[in-house]
């Protein structure tokens, strides 16, 4: 064996293909299947509740990683499975071959105090009876063990090797009922068929949990759509000073829509996944119609499709509303940004005008500075001319000052321009 570093999840991932395998079954058999809706804490309590039952029967207790268990407990057999949102408990009781009537439920063999304390909320409870052979002629109509005539649904399954009947009704004991004639199905194949039938009912009920959320979301969506239409109309005719207030209202509406989306998205996604699993299980039982009866697939398609479409419609409506809010928010933000750009442009133009005025003032100040400096320098030249007359300067002070003015003014102006170019090269 090559000693390679193993991925820590390799073994559980590899063994996932063997998780929850079907059991070999033989008729006659009574089965009771309960689905308890539970969160993570409910899962832990279910494991503890299972341990209490096993402890009473002196059996080994499950560890914290156990997600499914099959075990014989005296008069009944237990199958326990831990799913993402629910826990399933399946009890099976062997029936005598010559027994003429069926027991009310396989749960009669289970300790009643322990059963009543199952953690979680019951989402589905089902009685199933496996009978040998196949009904002859119209026997299924006259002897269908308490199934309602007006709601009877049935079909040949597993390639016409077996027949199943139900009425999709909750009876007086709180359980729905399935009647399965096993025909000559081998034990393993019969076990797979039973598991698929139980899963059809479990996944159907789990998928239907999206319907109340869809109905509740419908009223919230209608209110949000009305608010969005009102905002869109207000944005169309809004003045500039109202845009900030409208943007605040739109932001609040977007937060409300996203909050509702986050609260229901996981439920709708789970319902979609459960509906797909239900469809797969219906296809896998390979139904063939019986004369005068709807098949399970036909009945579910007719009765469950409206609820399914309602969930899908609510999810699509939420997505569409979220996109509409986003588009209008972007449009309003763009409008506000354009207005801000216009204001910024106007401010820049005002600054440019002020700068032009400052430059003109600066040029005026520079001209006055040239005149003032020239005046003072020419005054000094005049004084020098007066002093120079004593040593033979031929020109009078006034003439000397007049001749010096252009030269001094030009020199001062040139010096200031040179200094300006050094300080402001551009």
Protein backbone atom coordinates (compact mmCIF):
# COMPACT_ATOMS: atom_id res chain seq x y z
CA UNK A 1 0.00 0.00 0.00
CA UNK A 2 1.31 3.43 -0.96
CA UNK A 3 1.25 5.73 2.06
CA UNK A 4 -0.12 8.96 0.61
CA UNK A 5 -1.36 11.94 2.57
CA UNK A 6 -5.11 11.50 2.70
CA UNK A 7 -7.68 14.27 2.45
CA UNK A 8 -9.47 14.48 5.81
CA UNK A 9 -12.88 14.15 4.13
CA UNK A 10 -11.98 11.31 1.75
CA UNK A 11 -13.49 8.44 3.75
CA UNK A 12 -16.85 10.10 4.62
CA UNK A 13 -17.19 11.41 1.07
CA UNK A 14 -16.39 7.99 -0.37
CA UNK A 15 -18.86 6.28 1.93
CA UNK A 16 -21.61 8.76 1.07
CA UNK A 17 -22.65 6.44 -1.78
CA UNK A 18 -23.48 3.85 0.90
CA UNK A 19 -25.38 6.27 3.14
CA UNK A 20 -29.00 5.38 3.91
CA UNK A 21 -29.09 2.18 1.83
CA UNK A 22 -32.50 0.50 1.38
CA UNK A 23 -33.31 -2.47 3.56
CA UNK A 24 -34.35 -5.89 2.37
CA UNK A 25 -38.07 -6.32 3.15
CA UNK A 26 -40.61 -9.08 2.84
CA UNK A 27 -44.40 -8.94 3.08
CA UNK A 28 -46.50 -8.95 5.17
CA UNK A 29 -45.12 -5.96 7.04
CA UNK A 30 -46.53 -2.87 8.79
CA UNK A 31 -44.48 0.33 8.53
CA UNK A 32 -44.95 3.68 10.27
CA UNK A 33 -42.91 6.62 9.00
CA UNK A 34 -42.66 9.92 10.91
CA UNK A 35 -40.89 13.09 9.73
CA UNK A 36 -40.04 15.57 12.49
CA UNK A 37 -39.05 19.06 11.40
CA UNK A 38 -36.05 20.17 13.47
CA UNK A 39 -33.14 22.62 13.46
CA UNK A 40 -29.58 21.93 14.62
CA UNK A 41 -30.62 21.87 18.27
CA UNK A 42 -33.49 19.57 17.34
CA UNK A 43 -31.01 17.22 15.69
CA UNK A 44 -29.05 17.00 18.91
CA UNK A 45 -32.21 16.34 20.94
CA UNK A 46 -33.26 13.66 18.44
CA UNK A 47 -29.94 11.90 18.87
CA UNK A 48 -30.37 12.06 22.65
CA UNK A 49 -33.93 10.75 22.33
CA UNK A 50 -32.68 7.87 20.19
CA UNK A 51 -30.01 7.11 22.78
CA UNK A 52 -32.66 6.93 25.50
CA UNK A 53 -34.60 4.29 23.52
CA UNK A 54 -31.45 2.29 22.81
CA UNK A 55 -30.42 2.50 26.46
CA UNK A 56 -33.79 1.06 27.52
CA UNK A 57 -33.20 -1.88 25.18
CA UNK A 58 -29.57 -2.32 26.30
CA UNK A 59 -28.14 -1.40 22.90
CA UNK A 60 -24.99 0.49 21.97
CA UNK A 61 -25.52 4.26 21.88
CA UNK A 62 -24.91 6.39 18.74
CA UNK A 63 -21.95 8.75 18.63
CA UNK A 64 -22.08 12.43 17.66
CA UNK A 65 -21.28 11.68 14.00
CA UNK A 66 -24.09 9.16 13.51
CA UNK A 67 -26.60 10.35 10.89
CA UNK A 68 -28.53 7.12 10.29
CA UNK A 69 -29.16 3.92 12.18
CA UNK A 70 -30.99 0.60 11.59
CA UNK A 71 -31.55 -1.69 14.53
CA UNK A 72 -33.86 -4.43 15.83
CA UNK A 73 -35.56 -3.49 19.10
CA UNK A 74 -37.58 -6.49 20.16
CA UNK A 75 -41.03 -6.36 18.63
CA UNK A 76 -40.17 -3.71 16.03
CA UNK A 77 -37.33 -2.55 13.82
CA UNK A 78 -36.21 1.09 13.83
CA UNK A 79 -34.66 3.11 11.03
CA UNK A 80 -33.48 6.59 12.09
CA UNK A 81 -32.18 9.18 9.60
CA UNK A 82 -30.87 12.68 10.17
CA UNK A 83 -31.52 15.09 7.27
CA UNK A 84 -30.70 18.77 6.82
CA UNK A 85 -34.04 20.11 8.05
CA UNK A 86 -35.80 17.10 9.49
CA UNK A 87 -35.37 13.76 11.22
CA UNK A 88 -37.18 10.65 9.99
CA UNK A 89 -38.22 7.75 12.20
CA UNK A 90 -39.38 4.54 10.52
CA UNK A 91 -40.82 1.65 12.53
CA UNK A 92 -41.48 -1.75 10.98
CA UNK A 93 -43.43 -4.66 12.50
CA UNK A 94 -43.66 -8.15 11.04
CA UNK A 95 -47.20 -9.43 10.52
CA UNK A 96 -48.34 -13.04 10.70
CA UNK A 97 -48.87 -14.50 7.25
CA UNK A 98 -52.38 -15.60 8.14
CA UNK A 99 -53.48 -12.35 9.76
CA UNK A 100 -56.80 -11.29 8.30
CA UNK A 101 -56.82 -7.63 9.39
CA UNK A 102 -54.06 -5.05 9.60
CA UNK A 103 -52.99 -3.32 12.82
CA UNK A 104 -53.95 0.31 13.17
CA UNK A 105 -50.32 1.33 12.95
CA UNK A 106 -46.83 -0.07 13.44
CA UNK A 107 -46.33 2.56 16.15
CA UNK A 108 -48.56 0.45 18.42
CA UNK A 109 -45.46 -1.65 19.10
CA UNK A 110 -43.37 1.40 20.08
CA UNK A 111 -43.29 2.69 23.70
CA UNK A 112 -46.01 5.31 23.66
CA UNK A 113 -44.53 7.68 26.26
CA UNK A 114 -41.24 7.73 24.38
CA UNK A 115 -43.02 8.20 21.04
CA UNK A 116 -45.08 11.13 22.31
CA UNK A 117 -41.88 12.93 23.33
CA UNK A 118 -40.22 12.84 19.88
CA UNK A 119 -38.31 16.14 19.45
CA UNK A 120 -39.36 18.56 16.76
CA UNK A 121 -42.62 19.25 14.95
CA UNK A 122 -44.37 16.50 13.03
CA UNK A 123 -44.31 17.33 9.34
CA UNK A 124 -45.52 13.97 8.07
CA UNK A 125 -46.77 10.71 9.56
CA UNK A 126 -47.57 7.76 7.37
CA UNK A 127 -48.78 4.19 7.78
CA UNK A 128 -47.80 1.70 5.12
CA UNK A 129 -48.79 -1.94 4.89
CA UNK A 130 -46.94 -4.40 2.68
CA UNK A 131 -49.11 -7.31 1.58
CA UNK A 132 -48.00 -10.35 -0.42
CA UNK A 133 -49.24 -11.03 -3.91
CA UNK A 134 -51.40 -8.76 -6.04
CA UNK A 135 -55.10 -7.90 -5.78
CA UNK A 136 -57.28 -9.89 -8.15
CA UNK A 137 -59.64 -8.01 -10.44
CA UNK A 138 -61.32 -5.19 -8.49
CA UNK A 139 -60.28 -6.45 -5.05
CA UNK A 140 -58.41 -3.21 -4.41
CA UNK A 141 -61.74 -1.35 -4.64
CA UNK A 142 -63.62 -3.53 -2.16
CA UNK A 143 -60.74 -4.27 0.23
CA UNK A 144 -58.42 -1.29 0.45
CA UNK A 145 -58.16 -1.19 4.25
CA UNK A 146 -59.77 2.13 5.10
CA UNK A 147 -58.63 4.23 2.13
CA UNK A 148 -61.22 6.74 0.97
CA UNK A 149 -63.08 5.69 -2.17
CA UNK A 150 -63.58 9.25 -3.43
CA UNK A 151 -59.85 10.07 -3.21
CA UNK A 152 -58.33 6.70 -4.09
CA UNK A 153 -55.10 6.91 -6.08
CA UNK A 154 -53.16 3.90 -7.28
CA UNK A 155 -50.90 2.43 -9.92
CA UNK A 156 -48.80 -0.55 -10.88
CA UNK A 157 -45.19 0.13 -9.99
CA UNK A 158 -41.74 -1.40 -10.45
CA UNK A 159 -42.51 -2.52 -13.98
CA UNK A 160 -46.00 -3.84 -13.10
CA UNK A 161 -44.46 -6.15 -10.50
CA UNK A 162 -46.31 -4.46 -7.57
CA UNK A 163 -49.27 -2.19 -6.93
CA UNK A 164 -49.61 0.75 -4.56
CA UNK A 165 -52.72 2.59 -3.34
CA UNK A 166 -53.25 5.70 -1.22
CA UNK A 167 -55.74 8.51 -0.73
CA UNK A 168 -53.34 11.30 0.38
CA UNK A 169 -55.60 11.96 3.37
CA UNK A 170 -54.85 12.35 7.07
CA UNK A 171 -56.96 9.80 8.92
CA UNK A 172 -58.35 9.81 12.46
CA UNK A 173 -55.06 8.74 14.06
CA UNK A 174 -53.20 11.61 12.36
CA UNK A 175 -51.48 9.34 9.81
CA UNK A 176 -51.86 9.11 6.06
CA UNK A 177 -52.03 5.61 4.56
CA UNK A 178 -50.29 3.64 1.80
CA UNK A 179 -51.16 0.10 0.79
CA UNK A 180 -48.50 -1.77 -1.17
CA UNK A 181 -49.08 -5.17 -2.76
CA UNK A 182 -45.58 -6.57 -3.10
CA UNK A 183 -46.30 -9.19 -5.77
CA UNK A 184 -43.21 -11.30 -6.32
CA UNK A 185 -40.68 -8.51 -5.85
CA UNK A 186 -37.32 -9.63 -4.39
CA UNK A 187 -36.57 -8.38 -0.88
CA UNK A 188 -33.95 -5.83 -1.96
CA UNK A 189 -36.04 -4.42 -4.76
CA UNK A 190 -39.07 -4.22 -2.48
CA UNK A 191 -36.97 -2.33 0.07
CA UNK A 192 -35.93 0.21 -2.57
CA UNK A 193 -39.54 0.67 -3.66
CA UNK A 194 -40.70 1.25 -0.06
CA UNK A 195 -37.93 3.76 0.54
CA UNK A 196 -38.85 5.72 -2.59
CA UNK A 197 -42.52 5.81 -1.66
CA UNK A 198 -41.70 7.08 1.82
CA UNK A 199 -39.37 9.70 0.36
CA UNK A 200 -42.05 10.91 -2.06
CA UNK A 201 -44.27 11.80 0.88
CA UNK A 202 -41.41 13.22 2.96
CA UNK A 203 -40.06 15.43 0.18
CA UNK A 204 -43.56 16.50 -0.87
CA UNK A 205 -44.29 17.84 2.61
CA UNK A 206 -40.84 19.43 2.97
CA UNK A 207 -41.27 21.14 -0.41
CA UNK A 208 -44.68 22.50 0.60
CA UNK A 209 -43.06 24.49 3.41
CA UNK A 210 -42.30 27.13 0.79
CA UNK A 211 -46.01 27.79 0.17
CA UNK A 212 -46.77 29.73 3.42
CA UNK A 213 -43.59 31.75 2.86
CA UNK A 214 -44.67 32.50 -0.72
CA UNK A 215 -48.12 33.63 0.41
CA UNK A 216 -46.67 35.82 3.13
CA UNK A 217 -44.12 37.27 0.74
CA UNK A 218 -46.88 38.04 -1.74
CA UNK A 219 -48.46 40.74 0.43
CA UNK A 220 -45.06 42.26 1.25
CA UNK A 221 -44.14 42.26 -2.45
CA UNK A 222 -47.42 43.93 -3.40
CA UNK A 223 -46.78 46.69 -0.86
CA UNK A 224 -43.18 47.15 -2.03
CA UNK A 225 -44.22 47.25 -5.69
CA UNK A 226 -46.80 49.93 -4.89
CA UNK A 227 -44.18 52.00 -3.06
CA UNK A 228 -41.76 51.57 -5.96
CA UNK A 229 -44.36 52.72 -8.51
CA UNK A 230 -45.13 55.76 -6.37
CA UNK A 231 -41.43 56.59 -6.06
CA UNK A 232 -40.88 56.18 -9.80
CA UNK A 233 -43.70 58.63 -10.48
CA UNK A 234 -42.32 61.08 -7.91
CA UNK A 235 -38.82 60.83 -9.39
CA UNK A 236 -40.18 61.64 -12.84
CA UNK A 237 -41.64 64.97 -11.71
CA UNK A 238 -39.23 65.77 -8.88
CA UNK A 239 -37.42 69.08 -8.55
CA UNK A 240 -33.71 69.24 -7.91
CA UNK A 241 -34.07 69.97 -4.22
CA UNK A 242 -36.29 66.85 -3.78
CA UNK A 243 -33.87 64.31 -5.24
CA UNK A 244 -31.91 63.69 -2.05
CA UNK A 245 -35.10 62.93 -0.12
CA UNK A 246 -36.32 60.58 -2.83
CA UNK A 247 -32.98 58.80 -2.91
CA UNK A 248 -33.25 58.24 0.85
CA UNK A 249 -36.77 56.76 0.46
CA UNK A 250 -35.58 54.54 -2.38
CA UNK A 251 -32.63 53.32 -0.32
CA UNK A 252 -34.95 52.39 2.53
CA UNK A 253 -37.23 50.52 0.12
CA UNK A 254 -34.24 48.65 -1.32
CA UNK A 255 -33.19 47.61 2.19
CA UNK A 256 -36.74 46.35 2.89
CA UNK A 257 -36.83 44.33 -0.34
CA UNK A 258 -33.41 42.79 0.26
CA UNK A 259 -34.36 41.94 3.83
CA UNK A 260 -37.47 40.09 2.65
CA UNK A 261 -35.43 38.37 -0.05
CA UNK A 262 -32.84 37.19 2.47
CA UNK A 263 -35.56 35.90 4.81
CA UNK A 264 -37.25 33.73 2.18
CA UNK A 265 -34.60 32.88 -0.42
CA UNK A 266 -33.25 29.87 1.47
CA UNK A 267 -36.79 28.53 1.98
CA UNK A 268 -37.65 28.85 -1.71
CA UNK A 269 -34.33 27.28 -2.72
CA UNK A 270 -34.92 24.36 -0.36
CA UNK A 271 -38.45 23.88 -1.68
CA UNK A 272 -37.14 23.80 -5.24
CA UNK A 273 -34.60 21.13 -4.29
CA UNK A 274 -37.26 19.04 -2.50
CA UNK A 275 -39.60 19.28 -5.49
CA UNK A 276 -36.81 17.99 -7.74
CA UNK A 277 -36.12 15.08 -5.40
CA UNK A 278 -39.84 14.27 -5.31
CA UNK A 279 -39.93 14.25 -9.13
CA UNK A 280 -36.96 11.89 -9.22
CA UNK A 281 -38.54 9.46 -6.76
CA UNK A 282 -41.83 9.45 -8.69
CA UNK A 283 -39.96 8.66 -11.89
CA UNK A 284 -37.99 5.90 -10.14
CA UNK A 285 -41.07 3.92 -8.99
CA UNK A 286 -41.91 3.44 -12.70
CA UNK A 287 -45.71 3.80 -12.56
CA UNK A 288 -48.22 2.24 -14.94
CA UNK A 289 -51.86 3.40 -14.76
CA UNK A 290 -54.57 1.14 -13.39
CA UNK A 291 -58.04 1.28 -14.90
CA UNK A 292 -60.12 4.06 -13.44
CA UNK A 293 -57.42 5.45 -11.11
CA UNK A 294 -54.98 8.33 -11.22
CA UNK A 295 -51.36 7.43 -10.72
CA UNK A 296 -49.43 8.98 -7.82
CA UNK A 297 -47.44 11.09 -10.29
CA UNK A 298 -50.58 12.38 -12.02
CA UNK A 299 -52.29 13.20 -8.74
CA UNK A 300 -49.26 15.07 -7.35
CA UNK A 301 -48.71 16.94 -10.60
CA UNK A 302 -52.31 18.16 -10.63
CA UNK A 303 -52.59 18.99 -6.93
CA UNK A 304 -49.07 20.12 -6.06
CA UNK A 305 -48.16 22.05 -9.22
CA UNK A 306 -50.13 25.20 -8.17
CA UNK A 307 -48.23 25.38 -4.88
CA UNK A 308 -44.97 24.70 -6.69
CA UNK A 309 -45.64 27.46 -9.23
CA UNK A 310 -46.61 29.83 -6.43
CA UNK A 311 -43.22 29.33 -4.76
CA UNK A 312 -41.39 29.74 -8.07
CA UNK A 313 -43.44 32.82 -8.92
CA UNK A 314 -42.71 34.42 -5.54
CA UNK A 315 -38.98 33.80 -5.98
CA UNK A 316 -39.01 35.26 -9.52
CA UNK A 317 -41.11 38.20 -8.35
CA UNK A 318 -38.60 38.96 -5.60
CA UNK A 319 -35.72 38.83 -8.09
CA UNK A 320 -37.56 41.08 -10.53
CA UNK A 321 -38.47 43.60 -7.82
CA UNK A 322 -34.89 43.65 -6.55
CA UNK A 323 -33.60 44.36 -10.08
CA UNK A 324 -36.20 47.09 -10.62
CA UNK A 325 -35.27 48.80 -7.36
CA UNK A 326 -31.62 48.57 -8.33
CA UNK A 327 -32.25 50.08 -11.78
CA UNK A 328 -34.29 52.99 -10.44
CA UNK A 329 -31.71 53.57 -7.70
CA UNK A 330 -28.96 53.72 -10.31
CA UNK A 331 -30.99 56.12 -12.46
CA UNK A 332 -31.70 58.42 -9.52
CA UNK A 333 -28.08 58.29 -8.37
CA UNK A 334 -26.98 59.12 -11.90
CA UNK A 335 -29.37 62.05 -11.96
CA UNK A 336 -28.06 63.30 -8.61
CA UNK A 337 -24.45 62.85 -9.77
CA UNK A 338 -25.13 64.79 -12.98
CA UNK A 339 -26.67 67.59 -10.94
CA UNK A 340 -23.64 67.56 -8.65
CA UNK A 341 -21.37 67.73 -11.69
CA UNK A 342 -23.31 70.73 -12.99
CA UNK A 343 -22.96 72.43 -9.60
CA UNK A 344 -19.25 71.63 -9.55
CA UNK A 345 -18.86 73.02 -13.07
CA UNK A 346 -20.66 76.21 -12.09
CA UNK A 347 -18.43 76.52 -9.03
CA UNK A 348 -15.32 76.08 -11.16
CA UNK A 349 -16.54 78.74 -13.58
CA UNK A 350 -17.09 81.11 -10.66
CA UNK A 351 -13.59 80.35 -9.40
CA UNK A 352 -12.18 81.01 -12.86
CA UNK A 353 -13.95 84.36 -13.00
CA UNK A 354 -12.59 85.26 -9.59
CA UNK A 355 -9.13 84.24 -10.73
CA UNK A 356 -9.44 86.49 -13.80
CA UNK A 357 -10.46 89.37 -11.58
CA UNK A 358 -7.52 88.67 -9.28
CA UNK A 359 -5.16 88.58 -12.27
CA UNK A 360 -6.49 91.90 -13.47
CA UNK A 361 -6.14 93.38 -10.00
CA UNK A 362 -2.65 91.96 -9.85
CA UNK A 363 -1.77 93.57 -13.21
CA UNK A 364 -3.19 96.87 -11.97
CA UNK A 365 -1.19 96.60 -8.76
CA UNK A 366 1.93 95.78 -10.76
CA UNK A 367 1.38 98.93 -12.92
CA UNK A 368 0.93 101.05 -9.82
CA UNK A 369 4.04 99.48 -8.34
CA UNK A 370 6.06 100.36 -11.45
CA UNK A 371 4.83 103.96 -11.26
CA UNK A 372 5.55 104.23 -7.52
CA UNK A 373 9.04 102.74 -7.82
CA UNK A 374 9.78 104.94 -10.84
CA UNK A 375 8.60 107.99 -8.91
CA UNK A 376 10.91 107.28 -6.01
CA UNK A 377 13.93 106.48 -8.19
CA UNK A 378 13.40 109.58 -10.37
CA UNK A 379 13.22 111.62 -7.16
CA UNK A 380 16.60 110.23 -6.17
CA UNK A 381 17.97 111.05 -9.63
CA UNK A 382 16.69 114.63 -9.23
CA UNK A 383 18.51 114.96 -5.94
CA UNK A 384 21.68 113.61 -7.54
CA UNK A 385 21.34 116.12 -10.37
CA UNK A 386 21.04 118.99 -7.90
CA UNK A 387 24.17 117.80 -6.14
CA UNK A 388 25.93 117.29 -9.47
CA UNK A 389 25.46 120.92 -10.56
CA UNK A 390 28.04 121.87 -7.96
CA UNK A 391 30.66 119.70 -9.73
CA UNK A 392 29.71 120.70 -13.27
CA UNK A 393 26.62 118.59 -14.22
CA UNK A 394 25.32 120.51 -17.22
CA UNK A 395 21.59 119.70 -16.98
CA UNK A 396 19.10 121.05 -14.56
CA UNK A 397 17.51 118.65 -12.02
CA UNK A 398 14.13 118.83 -13.76
CA UNK A 399 15.60 117.97 -17.14
CA UNK A 400 17.63 115.16 -15.70
CA UNK A 401 14.53 113.76 -13.96
CA UNK A 402 12.47 113.97 -17.16
CA UNK A 403 15.13 112.18 -19.17
CA UNK A 404 15.48 109.49 -16.49
CA UNK A 405 11.75 108.66 -16.30
CA UNK A 406 11.56 106.40 -19.43
CA UNK A 407 14.79 104.65 -18.61
CA UNK A 408 13.86 104.05 -14.97
CA UNK A 409 10.28 102.98 -15.78
CA UNK A 410 11.48 100.55 -18.47
CA UNK A 411 14.11 99.08 -16.15
CA UNK A 412 11.61 98.63 -13.28
CA UNK A 413 8.98 97.05 -15.60
CA UNK A 414 11.56 94.65 -17.10
CA UNK A 415 12.83 93.68 -13.64
CA UNK A 416 9.31 92.94 -12.36
CA UNK A 417 8.43 90.82 -15.44
CA UNK A 418 11.63 88.86 -15.03
CA UNK A 419 10.85 88.27 -11.35
CA UNK A 420 7.26 87.24 -12.29
CA UNK A 421 8.54 84.71 -14.84
CA UNK A 422 10.90 83.16 -12.26
CA UNK A 423 8.14 82.84 -9.66
CA UNK A 424 5.41 81.69 -12.10
CA UNK A 425 7.20 79.88 -14.96
CA UNK A 426 3.90 78.80 -16.59
